[in-house]
Amino acid sequence: MPTIRRTTVLGANATANPLQGSQYEYLPFNAMVEIACLAIADSVAQASVFSGSDVLLQNEVVDGLALANPIVYPDHFEISDVAAAGERLGVTITDISGAGTTVRTVVRITPV
């Protein structure tokens, strides 16, 4: 089961696409996709998440979890979708604190 793990440091009001360039950005097989996206504090970042043409989350404030705490499965994996081979996985995160922040993104990909 492939897993993508990214820690993204955002500058003030910056936007990033943490899955861009990943080997699994475009799925090579049909899969169940489960995603966790957590900032280091509450109300400091927004995220949009999509799988192919499915919009799973659009400009929502992401939950906070201290950097020292691990991301736990299944507790933190609130976003899931069944995606077809060839579909693009995308996560766009934006700092809304005005001071910069760090966001951790984990994607679990299970072939179906």
Protein backbone atom coordinates (compact mmCIF):
# COMPACT_ATOMS: atom_id res chain seq x y z
CA MET A 1 0.00 0.00 0.00
CA PRO A 2 1.66 3.25 -1.11
CA THR A 3 1.78 6.17 1.31
CA ILE A 4 2.65 9.78 0.53
CA ARG A 5 3.94 11.85 3.47
CA ARG A 6 4.66 15.54 3.10
CA THR A 7 5.53 18.29 5.58
CA THR A 8 4.98 21.68 3.99
CA VAL A 9 6.33 24.90 5.47
CA LEU A 10 4.26 27.83 4.23
CA GLY A 11 5.30 31.45 4.29
CA ALA A 12 2.80 34.18 5.21
CA ASN A 13 -0.30 33.84 3.00
CA ALA A 14 1.50 31.30 0.77
CA THR A 15 -0.13 28.41 -1.11
CA ALA A 16 1.38 24.99 -1.85
CA ASN A 17 0.47 21.72 -3.58
CA PRO A 18 2.23 19.03 -1.51
CA LEU A 19 1.35 16.10 -3.80
CA GLN A 20 2.71 17.77 -6.92
CA GLY A 21 5.48 15.66 -8.44
CA SER A 22 4.67 12.55 -6.41
CA GLN A 23 4.81 9.22 -8.23
CA TYR A 24 1.19 8.69 -7.14
CA GLU A 25 -0.12 12.15 -8.03
CA TYR A 26 -1.75 10.34 -10.99
CA LEU A 27 -3.00 6.97 -9.78
CA PRO A 28 -1.64 3.97 -11.75
CA PHE A 29 -4.53 1.75 -10.54
CA ASN A 30 -8.03 1.96 -9.04
CA ALA A 31 -7.67 2.77 -5.35
CA MET A 32 -9.25 3.71 -2.06
CA VAL A 33 -7.60 6.98 -1.05
CA GLU A 34 -7.55 8.19 2.57
CA ILE A 35 -6.13 11.60 3.43
CA ALA A 36 -5.05 13.37 6.61
CA CYS A 37 -4.14 17.06 6.45
CA LEU A 38 -3.19 18.73 9.74
CA ALA A 39 -1.64 22.09 10.58
CA ILE A 40 0.55 22.65 13.64
CA ALA A 41 -2.21 24.78 15.23
CA ASP A 42 -5.95 25.35 14.78
CA SER A 43 -7.23 27.96 12.32
CA VAL A 44 -3.92 28.71 10.57
CA ALA A 45 -4.42 26.98 7.21
CA GLN A 46 -7.11 26.14 4.65
CA ALA A 47 -7.14 23.13 2.36
CA SER A 48 -8.85 21.99 -0.81
CA VAL A 49 -8.69 18.29 -1.69
CA PHE A 50 -9.73 16.59 -4.90
CA SER A 51 -9.59 13.18 -6.49
CA GLY A 52 -10.10 13.34 -10.24
CA SER A 53 -13.26 15.43 -10.71
CA ASP A 54 -14.46 14.75 -7.14
CA VAL A 55 -14.10 17.75 -4.83
CA LEU A 56 -13.62 16.24 -1.37
CA LEU A 57 -12.88 19.43 0.56
CA GLN A 58 -13.03 23.03 -0.63
CA ASN A 59 -11.32 25.90 1.18
CA GLU A 60 -11.92 24.50 4.67
CA VAL A 61 -9.87 25.29 7.74
CA VAL A 62 -7.74 22.26 8.61
CA ASP A 63 -7.56 20.83 12.12
CA GLY A 64 -4.53 21.44 14.27
CA LEU A 65 -2.16 18.85 15.70
CA ALA A 66 1.11 19.70 17.42
CA LEU A 67 4.14 18.81 15.33
CA ALA A 68 5.41 16.47 18.08
CA ASN A 69 2.23 14.35 17.88
CA PRO A 70 2.03 11.57 15.29
CA ILE A 71 -0.73 11.38 12.70
CA VAL A 72 -2.77 8.33 13.73
CA TYR A 73 -4.74 6.02 11.45
CA PRO A 74 -7.76 5.99 11.28
CA ASP A 75 -8.37 8.87 13.72
CA HIS A 76 -6.92 11.69 11.60
CA PHE A 77 -7.89 10.38 8.15
CA GLU A 78 -11.18 12.24 7.71
CA ILE A 79 -11.14 12.42 3.90
CA SER A 80 -11.60 9.33 1.71
CA ASP A 81 -12.63 8.48 -1.83
CA VAL A 82 -12.52 5.64 -4.34
CA ALA A 83 -10.51 6.85 -7.33
CA ALA A 84 -10.00 5.38 -10.77
CA ALA A 85 -6.69 4.67 -12.48
CA GLY A 86 -5.34 7.80 -14.14
CA GLU A 87 -7.14 10.24 -11.84
CA ARG A 88 -5.12 13.02 -10.27
CA LEU A 89 -4.91 13.43 -6.51
CA GLY A 90 -4.62 17.01 -5.39
CA VAL A 91 -4.23 18.90 -2.14
CA THR A 92 -3.88 22.67 -2.08
CA ILE A 93 -3.04 24.29 1.24
CA THR A 94 -2.95 28.01 2.06
CA ASP A 95 -1.65 29.84 5.12
CA ILE A 96 -4.43 32.04 6.53
CA SER A 97 -2.64 33.10 9.71
CA GLY A 98 -0.62 35.78 7.96
CA ALA A 99 2.50 34.56 9.75
CA GLY A 100 3.27 31.26 8.02
CA THR A 101 2.71 27.75 9.27
CA THR A 102 3.57 24.08 8.81
CA VAL A 103 1.06 21.55 7.46
CA ARG A 104 1.48 17.77 7.39
CA THR A 105 -0.29 15.75 4.70
CA VAL A 106 -0.48 11.94 4.60
CA VAL A 107 -2.20 10.00 1.81
CA ARG A 108 -2.83 6.25 2.12
CA ILE A 109 -3.48 4.53 -1.23
CA THR A 110 -5.00 1.06 -1.20
CA PRO A 111 -5.40 -0.71 -4.58
CA VAL A 112 -8.92 -2.04 -5.19
